[in-house]
Amino acid sequence: MQFNSLSEFFAMGGYAFYVWLSFGVSALLLLGLIWLSKQQHQQTLKAIALQQKRHEKLRQARDQRAKNKLENIDNKKGVSQNNADNNIEKSQSNSANINSEVSDESTS
């Protein structure tokens, strides 16, 4: 279909209302789709950022718990080692006392 003037083009051979309405609705729907897609994209990025923060906090808490457990184990080992050292010292001093008592008795 050829149009001799611009007004004939806009009139669309008597079907201008339907033609331009369909173009307008289509353009409006496409713009709405673009806007909605951008909104959902932003929400998805925010959700991902929140999830990453949550995972980072959980990882830090897990690492801290593991570190605390290791410190507790080391502390318990240190206490056990100190107890063992004290027991050794006591047994050595007891042995020395017994030896000195035995030597005192034998000399008298």
Foldseek 3Di string as FASTA:
>chain_A
DDDPDPVCVCCVVVCNVVVVVVVVVVVVVVVVVVVVVVVVVVVVVVVVVVVVVVVVVVVVVVVVVVVVVVVVVVVVVVVVVVVVVVVVVVVVVVVVVVVVVVVVVVVD
